[in-house]
Amino acid sequence: GRIMAGKKNRLNKVWMIPEGEKRDSASYHFVHAKTLSQLRNAQKLRMRKYHPKLRQHVWFIESKMPPHSK
């Protein structure tokens, strides 16, 4: 398989943000790992999760991991 130094771990992780929000201004996010079959089918994750700031459940959609800051 493809092995990239250090980056392997980020391969199947996605940033989940509330639907309708931009990644850099999202009020809340969590990191979720995708399964290999999900990656192969290239489907976007969408799930209902509790949003602590809004204190209610909202839809979260997948966005790319933010750029790594050194």
C-alpha atoms as a PDB file:
ATOM      1  CA  GLY A   1       0.000   0.000   0.000  1.00  0.00           C
ATOM      2  CA  ARG A   2       0.859   3.666   0.006  1.00  0.00           C
ATOM      3  CA  ILE A   3       2.776   4.640   3.090  1.00  0.00           C
ATOM      4  CA  MET A   4       3.494   8.307   3.589  1.00  0.00           C
ATOM      5  CA  ALA A   5       5.660   9.339   6.473  1.00  0.00           C
ATOM      6  CA  GLY A   6       3.571  10.616   9.340  1.00  0.00           C
ATOM      7  CA  LYS A   7       0.503  11.213   7.220  1.00  0.00           C
ATOM      8  CA  LYS A   8      -0.938   7.725   7.340  1.00  0.00           C
ATOM      9  CA  ASN A   9      -2.974   8.495  10.416  1.00  0.00           C
ATOM     10  CA  ARG A  10      -4.857  11.381   8.830  1.00  0.00           C
ATOM     11  CA  LEU A  11      -5.898   9.286   5.870  1.00  0.00           C
ATOM     12  CA  ASN A  12      -9.284   8.227   7.150  1.00  0.00           C
ATOM     13  CA  LYS A  13     -10.020  11.011   9.603  1.00  0.00           C
ATOM     14  CA  VAL A  14     -12.493  13.739   8.745  1.00  0.00           C
ATOM     15  CA  TRP A  15     -13.495  16.966  10.420  1.00  0.00           C
ATOM     16  CA  MET A  16     -17.206  17.039  11.224  1.00  0.00           C
ATOM     17  CA  ILE A  17     -18.811  20.481  11.342  1.00  0.00           C
ATOM     18  CA  PRO A  18     -22.420  21.634  11.691  1.00  0.00           C
ATOM     19  CA  GLU A  19     -24.238  21.683   8.371  1.00  0.00           C
ATOM     20  CA  GLY A  20     -24.290  25.092   6.742  1.00  0.00           C
ATOM     21  CA  GLU A  21     -21.170  26.365   8.509  1.00  0.00           C
ATOM     22  CA  LYS A  22     -17.766  27.096   7.049  1.00  0.00           C
ATOM     23  CA  ARG A  23     -14.816  25.084   8.254  1.00  0.00           C
ATOM     24  CA  ASP A  24     -12.762  28.029   9.538  1.00  0.00           C
ATOM     25  CA  SER A  25     -15.700  29.663  11.301  1.00  0.00           C
ATOM     26  CA  ALA A  26     -17.465  26.532  12.537  1.00  0.00           C
ATOM     27  CA  SER A  27     -18.637  26.989  16.098  1.00  0.00           C
ATOM     28  CA  TYR A  28     -18.025  23.363  16.987  1.00  0.00           C
ATOM     29  CA  HIS A  29     -16.441  20.305  15.426  1.00  0.00           C
ATOM     30  CA  PHE A  30     -15.313  16.801  16.158  1.00  0.00           C
ATOM     31  CA  VAL A  31     -13.011  14.375  14.405  1.00  0.00           C
ATOM     32  CA  HIS A  32     -14.432  11.160  13.058  1.00  0.00           C
ATOM     33  CA  ALA A  33     -12.718   8.237  11.373  1.00  0.00           C
ATOM     34  CA  LYS A  34     -14.120   6.861   8.125  1.00  0.00           C
ATOM     35  CA  THR A  35     -14.091   3.211   7.264  1.00  0.00           C
ATOM     36  CA  LEU A  36     -12.223   2.017   4.211  1.00  0.00           C
ATOM     37  CA  SER A  37     -15.451   1.152   2.414  1.00  0.00           C
ATOM     38  CA  GLN A  38     -16.711   4.685   3.001  1.00  0.00           C
ATOM     39  CA  LEU A  39     -13.476   6.041   1.558  1.00  0.00           C
ATOM     40  CA  ARG A  40     -13.744   3.749  -1.448  1.00  0.00           C
ATOM     41  CA  ASN A  41     -17.316   4.817  -2.169  1.00  0.00           C
ATOM     42  CA  ALA A  42     -16.304   8.437  -1.574  1.00  0.00           C
ATOM     43  CA  GLN A  43     -19.497   9.179   0.312  1.00  0.00           C
ATOM     44  CA  LYS A  44     -19.719  12.231   2.507  1.00  0.00           C
ATOM     45  CA  LEU A  45     -20.519  11.472   6.104  1.00  0.00           C
ATOM     46  CA  ARG A  46     -23.588  13.113   7.593  1.00  0.00           C
ATOM     47  CA  MET A  47     -24.748  12.436  11.117  1.00  0.00           C
ATOM     48  CA  ARG A  48     -26.844  13.945  13.859  1.00  0.00           C
ATOM     49  CA  LYS A  49     -24.830  14.896  16.915  1.00  0.00           C
ATOM     50  CA  TYR A  50     -25.327  16.990  19.991  1.00  0.00           C
ATOM     51  CA  HIS A  51     -24.068  20.553  19.571  1.00  0.00           C
ATOM     52  CA  PRO A  52     -22.948  21.760  23.029  1.00  0.00           C
ATOM     53  CA  LYS A  53     -23.136  25.450  22.191  1.00  0.00           C
ATOM     54  CA  LEU A  54     -26.638  25.283  20.722  1.00  0.00           C
ATOM     55  CA  ARG A  55     -27.574  22.634  23.333  1.00  0.00           C
ATOM     56  CA  GLN A  56     -29.412  20.561  20.749  1.00  0.00           C
ATOM     57  CA  HIS A  57     -28.882  17.895  18.123  1.00  0.00           C
ATOM     58  CA  VAL A  58     -27.974  19.118  14.669  1.00  0.00           C
ATOM     59  CA  TRP A  59     -26.742  17.556  11.436  1.00  0.00           C
ATOM     60  CA  PHE A  60     -22.988  17.446  11.073  1.00  0.00           C
ATOM     61  CA  ILE A  61     -21.359  17.056   7.695  1.00  0.00           C
ATOM     62  CA  GLU A  62     -17.874  16.024   6.792  1.00  0.00           C
ATOM     63  CA  SER A  63     -15.259  18.529   5.703  1.00  0.00           C
ATOM     64  CA  LYS A  64     -11.548  18.209   5.112  1.00  0.00           C
ATOM     65  CA  MET A  65      -9.110  18.167   7.982  1.00  0.00           C
ATOM     66  CA  PRO A  66      -7.753  21.667   8.568  1.00  0.00           C
ATOM     67  CA  PRO A  67      -4.240  22.424   7.363  1.00  0.00           C
ATOM     68  CA  HIS A  68      -1.657  21.260   9.855  1.00  0.00           C
ATOM     69  CA  SER A  69       0.021  24.129  11.700  1.00  0.00           C
ATOM     70  CA  LYS A  70       3.604  23.542  12.693  1.00  0.00           C
END
